[in-house]
Amino acid sequence: VRAAVVFDHADELANFLDVIQGDTEVEIVSFKNRLRADFDAIHSGGYRDVHLNLVMQSMEALRLGIAGFVWELQLQLTPIARLRTAGGHARYMRYRNMRAE
C-alpha cells in the first residue's frame, strides 16, 4: 500500500514527520530524505520527497490482521507534487527499470 501526504510548506512536513517519529504504535522501517540539499536527484530521476516504509504496531492493527504489514508513505511538497504527472511517473519508472532497481 502506498499513500502520499502533500504539504504547502517544509515546516508542515517536518512537524508531521515529528508526529510519526513520536508515535509508539508506528515503526519506521526505512527513511529516505530526498529533499536534502546534498541529495543527488539523479538517483531518483529528479524526483524529491521524504519516503518512509512504516509498520503499524497497535492493538487495532493486530485486530485487523495488518500488524507487521509494511506500507509506504511519501511526504511531498506541493510544487513538486504538481509536477508529478502520469507521463512523468512513466518516465521515472523507465529510468528505474534501466537501472535495474
N, C-alpha and C. Protein backbone atom coordinates (compact mmCIF):
# COMPACT_ATOMS: atom_id res chain seq x y z
N VAL A 1 0.85 -1.17 0.00
CA VAL A 1 0.00 0.00 0.00
C VAL A 1 0.89 1.22 0.00
N ARG A 2 0.51 2.19 -0.81
CA ARG A 2 1.26 3.44 -0.89
C ARG A 2 0.29 4.60 -0.68
N ALA A 3 0.75 5.58 0.08
CA ALA A 3 -0.03 6.79 0.29
C ALA A 3 0.91 7.98 0.24
N ALA A 4 0.34 9.13 -0.05
CA ALA A 4 1.12 10.36 -0.09
C ALA A 4 0.37 11.45 0.67
N VAL A 5 1.14 12.28 1.36
CA VAL A 5 0.60 13.47 2.01
C VAL A 5 1.36 14.64 1.42
N VAL A 6 0.63 15.65 0.97
CA VAL A 6 1.24 16.80 0.31
C VAL A 6 1.13 18.01 1.23
N PHE A 7 2.24 18.73 1.36
CA PHE A 7 2.32 19.89 2.24
C PHE A 7 2.68 21.13 1.44
N ASP A 8 2.10 22.26 1.85
CA ASP A 8 2.43 23.53 1.20
C ASP A 8 3.79 24.06 1.64
N HIS A 9 4.19 23.73 2.87
CA HIS A 9 5.43 24.30 3.43
C HIS A 9 6.28 23.20 4.07
N ALA A 10 7.59 23.35 3.97
CA ALA A 10 8.52 22.37 4.52
C ALA A 10 8.37 22.21 6.03
N ASP A 11 8.05 23.29 6.74
CA ASP A 11 7.90 23.18 8.19
C ASP A 11 6.69 22.31 8.56
N GLU A 12 5.64 22.34 7.76
CA GLU A 12 4.48 21.47 7.99
C GLU A 12 4.88 20.01 7.81
N LEU A 13 5.66 19.74 6.77
CA LEU A 13 6.14 18.38 6.53
C LEU A 13 6.99 17.92 7.71
N ALA A 14 7.89 18.78 8.18
CA ALA A 14 8.76 18.44 9.31
C ALA A 14 7.96 18.16 10.58
N ASN A 15 6.93 18.96 10.83
CA ASN A 15 6.08 18.74 12.01
C ASN A 15 5.35 17.40 11.92
N PHE A 16 4.83 17.09 10.74
CA PHE A 16 4.15 15.81 10.52
C PHE A 16 5.10 14.65 10.76
N LEU A 17 6.32 14.77 10.26
CA LEU A 17 7.33 13.74 10.46
C LEU A 17 7.65 13.57 11.94
N ASP A 18 7.72 14.66 12.68
CA ASP A 18 7.95 14.59 14.13
C ASP A 18 6.85 13.78 14.82
N VAL A 19 5.61 13.98 14.39
CA VAL A 19 4.48 13.25 14.98
C VAL A 19 4.63 11.75 14.71
N ILE A 20 4.98 11.39 13.49
CA ILE A 20 5.16 9.97 13.15
C ILE A 20 6.29 9.37 13.98
N GLN A 21 7.40 10.10 14.07
CA GLN A 21 8.56 9.58 14.81
C GLN A 21 8.24 9.42 16.30
N GLY A 22 7.34 10.23 16.82
CA GLY A 22 6.98 10.16 18.23
C GLY A 22 5.87 9.17 18.55
N ASP A 23 5.26 8.58 17.53
CA ASP A 23 4.14 7.65 17.73
C ASP A 23 4.68 6.26 18.06
N THR A 24 4.38 5.78 19.25
CA THR A 24 4.89 4.48 19.69
C THR A 24 4.22 3.31 18.98
N GLU A 25 3.13 3.57 18.27
CA GLU A 25 2.44 2.50 17.55
C GLU A 25 2.85 2.40 16.09
N VAL A 26 3.85 3.20 15.70
CA VAL A 26 4.34 3.19 14.32
C VAL A 26 5.85 2.94 14.35
N GLU A 27 6.27 1.94 13.60
CA GLU A 27 7.70 1.67 13.45
C GLU A 27 8.14 2.15 12.08
N ILE A 28 9.18 2.97 12.05
CA ILE A 28 9.76 3.41 10.77
C ILE A 28 10.80 2.37 10.37
N VAL A 29 10.51 1.64 9.29
CA VAL A 29 11.39 0.58 8.82
C VAL A 29 12.50 1.15 7.96
N SER A 30 12.17 2.11 7.11
CA SER A 30 13.19 2.79 6.31
C SER A 30 12.78 4.25 6.11
N PHE A 31 13.78 5.07 5.87
CA PHE A 31 13.58 6.51 5.76
C PHE A 31 14.56 7.04 4.72
N LYS A 32 14.02 7.74 3.73
CA LYS A 32 14.86 8.40 2.71
C LYS A 32 14.43 9.85 2.62
N ASN A 33 15.35 10.75 2.89
CA ASN A 33 15.06 12.18 2.77
C ASN A 33 15.62 12.68 1.45
N ARG A 34 14.78 12.67 0.44
CA ARG A 34 15.20 13.10 -0.89
C ARG A 34 14.94 14.60 -1.08
N LEU A 35 14.72 15.31 0.03
CA LEU A 35 14.60 16.77 -0.01
C LEU A 35 15.89 17.44 0.48
N ARG A 36 16.83 16.66 1.01
CA ARG A 36 18.09 17.21 1.49
C ARG A 36 18.79 18.00 0.38
N ALA A 37 19.45 19.07 0.77
CA ALA A 37 20.18 19.89 -0.20
C ALA A 37 21.29 19.09 -0.87
N ASP A 38 21.90 18.14 -0.15
CA ASP A 38 23.01 17.37 -0.71
C ASP A 38 22.55 16.08 -1.41
N PHE A 39 21.24 15.87 -1.53
CA PHE A 39 20.73 14.68 -2.21
C PHE A 39 20.96 14.80 -3.71
N ASP A 40 21.57 13.78 -4.30
CA ASP A 40 21.81 13.75 -5.74
C ASP A 40 20.58 13.19 -6.42
N ALA A 41 19.77 14.07 -6.99
CA ALA A 41 18.48 13.68 -7.57
C ALA A 41 18.61 12.82 -8.81
N ILE A 42 19.81 12.62 -9.30
CA ILE A 42 19.98 11.73 -10.45
C ILE A 42 19.55 10.30 -10.11
N HIS A 43 19.63 9.95 -8.82
CA HIS A 43 19.26 8.60 -8.39
C HIS A 43 17.75 8.41 -8.30
N SER A 44 16.99 9.49 -8.37
CA SER A 44 15.53 9.37 -8.30
C SER A 44 14.87 9.94 -9.55
N GLY A 45 15.63 10.08 -10.61
CA GLY A 45 15.08 10.65 -11.83
C GLY A 45 14.64 12.09 -11.65
N GLY A 46 15.24 12.79 -10.69
CA GLY A 46 14.91 14.18 -10.41
C GLY A 46 13.80 14.36 -9.39
N TYR A 47 13.17 13.26 -8.99
CA TYR A 47 12.05 13.34 -8.07
C TYR A 47 12.55 13.54 -6.64
N ARG A 48 11.82 14.34 -5.86
CA ARG A 48 12.21 14.63 -4.48
C ARG A 48 11.01 14.50 -3.55
N ASP A 49 11.23 13.83 -2.43
CA ASP A 49 10.21 13.70 -1.38
C ASP A 49 10.88 13.13 -0.14
N VAL A 50 10.11 12.91 0.89
CA VAL A 50 10.55 12.11 2.02
C VAL A 50 9.79 10.80 1.92
N HIS A 51 10.53 9.71 1.90
CA HIS A 51 9.95 8.40 1.66
C HIS A 51 10.11 7.55 2.91
N LEU A 52 9.01 7.00 3.40
CA LEU A 52 9.02 6.18 4.61
C LEU A 52 8.39 4.83 4.31
N ASN A 53 8.95 3.78 4.90
CA ASN A 53 8.28 2.49 4.99
C ASN A 53 7.93 2.32 6.45
N LEU A 54 6.66 2.04 6.72
CA LEU A 54 6.14 2.01 8.08
C LEU A 54 5.46 0.69 8.39
N VAL A 55 5.45 0.34 9.68
CA VAL A 55 4.71 -0.82 10.19
C VAL A 55 3.89 -0.34 11.37
N MET A 56 2.61 -0.66 11.36
CA MET A 56 1.74 -0.32 12.49
C MET A 56 1.90 -1.38 13.57
N GLN A 57 2.05 -0.92 14.81
CA GLN A 57 2.26 -1.82 15.93
C GLN A 57 1.19 -1.61 17.01
N SER A 58 -0.05 -1.44 16.61
CA SER A 58 -1.12 -1.15 17.56
C SER A 58 -2.04 -2.36 17.76
N MET A 59 -2.83 -2.30 18.81
CA MET A 59 -3.83 -3.35 19.03
C MET A 59 -4.84 -3.37 17.89
N GLU A 60 -5.18 -2.20 17.38
CA GLU A 60 -6.11 -2.12 16.24
C GLU A 60 -5.52 -2.81 15.02
N ALA A 61 -4.22 -2.62 14.77
CA ALA A 61 -3.56 -3.29 13.64
C ALA A 61 -3.59 -4.80 13.83
N LEU A 62 -3.37 -5.25 15.06
CA LEU A 62 -3.47 -6.70 15.34
C LEU A 62 -4.88 -7.21 15.08
N ARG A 63 -5.87 -6.46 15.55
CA ARG A 63 -7.28 -6.86 15.37
C ARG A 63 -7.64 -6.96 13.90
N LEU A 64 -7.12 -6.03 13.10
CA LEU A 64 -7.42 -6.01 11.66
C LEU A 64 -6.56 -6.98 10.85
N GLY A 65 -5.57 -7.56 11.51
CA GLY A 65 -4.70 -8.50 10.81
C GLY A 65 -3.65 -7.83 9.93
N ILE A 66 -3.33 -6.58 10.21
CA ILE A 66 -2.34 -5.87 9.40
C ILE A 66 -1.07 -5.55 10.17
N ALA A 67 -0.96 -6.00 11.40
CA ALA A 67 0.27 -5.77 12.16
C ALA A 67 1.43 -6.45 11.43
N GLY A 68 2.51 -5.74 11.28
CA GLY A 68 3.67 -6.28 10.58
C GLY A 68 3.67 -6.01 9.10
N PHE A 69 2.55 -5.54 8.55
CA PHE A 69 2.46 -5.21 7.13
C PHE A 69 3.23 -3.92 6.87
N VAL A 70 4.14 -3.92 5.92
CA VAL A 70 4.94 -2.73 5.60
C VAL A 70 4.21 -1.93 4.53
N TRP A 71 4.04 -0.63 4.80
CA TRP A 71 3.40 0.24 3.82
C TRP A 71 4.25 1.47 3.59
N GLU A 72 4.06 2.09 2.46
CA GLU A 72 4.88 3.22 2.02
C GLU A 72 4.12 4.52 2.20
N LEU A 73 4.80 5.51 2.75
CA LEU A 73 4.24 6.84 2.88
C LEU A 73 5.20 7.84 2.28
N GLN A 74 4.71 8.62 1.32
CA GLN A 74 5.51 9.66 0.68
C GLN A 74 5.03 11.00 1.22
N LEU A 75 5.98 11.81 1.68
CA LEU A 75 5.69 13.16 2.13
C LEU A 75 6.24 14.10 1.07
N GLN A 76 5.34 14.87 0.47
CA GLN A 76 5.71 15.69 -0.69
C GLN A 76 5.39 17.15 -0.44
N LEU A 77 6.11 18.00 -1.15
CA LEU A 77 5.81 19.43 -1.14
C LEU A 77 4.97 19.75 -2.37
N THR A 78 4.01 20.64 -2.21
CA THR A 78 3.05 20.96 -3.27
C THR A 78 3.69 21.26 -4.62
N PRO A 79 4.73 22.13 -4.69
CA PRO A 79 5.29 22.42 -6.02
C PRO A 79 5.83 21.19 -6.73
N ILE A 80 6.43 20.27 -5.99
CA ILE A 80 6.97 19.05 -6.60
C ILE A 80 5.83 18.10 -6.96
N ALA A 81 4.84 17.99 -6.08
CA ALA A 81 3.70 17.11 -6.35
C ALA A 81 2.96 17.54 -7.61
N ARG A 82 2.89 18.82 -7.84
CA ARG A 82 2.20 19.31 -9.05
C ARG A 82 2.91 18.88 -10.32
N LEU A 83 4.22 18.70 -10.22
CA LEU A 83 4.99 18.31 -11.40
C LEU A 83 4.84 16.83 -11.74
N ARG A 84 4.36 16.08 -10.76
CA ARG A 84 4.23 14.64 -10.97
C ARG A 84 2.98 14.37 -11.81
N THR A 85 3.19 13.94 -12.99
CA THR A 85 2.09 13.61 -13.90
C THR A 85 2.20 12.15 -14.28
N ALA A 86 1.17 11.65 -14.91
CA ALA A 86 1.21 10.25 -15.36
C ALA A 86 2.40 10.04 -16.28
N GLY A 87 2.65 10.98 -17.18
CA GLY A 87 3.80 10.87 -18.09
C GLY A 87 5.11 10.95 -17.34
N GLY A 88 5.19 11.83 -16.34
CA GLY A 88 6.40 11.96 -15.55
C GLY A 88 6.69 10.70 -14.76
N HIS A 89 5.66 10.11 -14.20
CA HIS A 89 5.85 8.87 -13.44
C HIS A 89 6.28 7.74 -14.37
N ALA A 90 5.71 7.69 -15.56
CA ALA A 90 6.10 6.65 -16.52
C ALA A 90 7.58 6.80 -16.89
N ARG A 91 8.05 8.05 -17.08
CA ARG A 91 9.47 8.26 -17.37
C ARG A 91 10.34 7.80 -16.20
N TYR A 92 9.90 8.10 -14.98
CA TYR A 92 10.65 7.69 -13.79
C TYR A 92 10.73 6.16 -13.72
N MET A 93 9.64 5.47 -14.00
CA MET A 93 9.65 4.01 -13.96
C MET A 93 10.58 3.44 -15.03
N ARG A 94 10.60 4.03 -16.23
CA ARG A 94 11.54 3.58 -17.27
C ARG A 94 12.97 3.77 -16.78
N TYR A 95 13.24 4.93 -16.15
CA TYR A 95 14.56 5.22 -15.62
C TYR A 95 14.96 4.17 -14.58
N ARG A 96 14.06 3.87 -13.64
CA ARG A 96 14.36 2.86 -12.61
C ARG A 96 14.58 1.49 -13.23
N ASN A 97 13.78 1.15 -14.22
CA ASN A 97 13.93 -0.16 -14.87
C ASN A 97 15.28 -0.27 -15.60
N MET A 98 15.71 0.82 -16.20
CA MET A 98 17.02 0.82 -16.89
C MET A 98 18.13 0.63 -15.87
N ARG A 99 17.95 1.14 -14.67
CA ARG A 99 18.95 0.99 -13.60
C ARG A 99 18.81 -0.34 -12.87
N ALA A 100 17.79 -1.13 -13.24
CA ALA A 100 17.51 -2.44 -12.64
C ALA A 100 17.25 -2.31 -11.15
N GLU A 101 16.43 -1.32 -10.77
CA GLU A 101 16.07 -1.12 -9.36
C GLU A 101 14.69 -1.70 -9.09
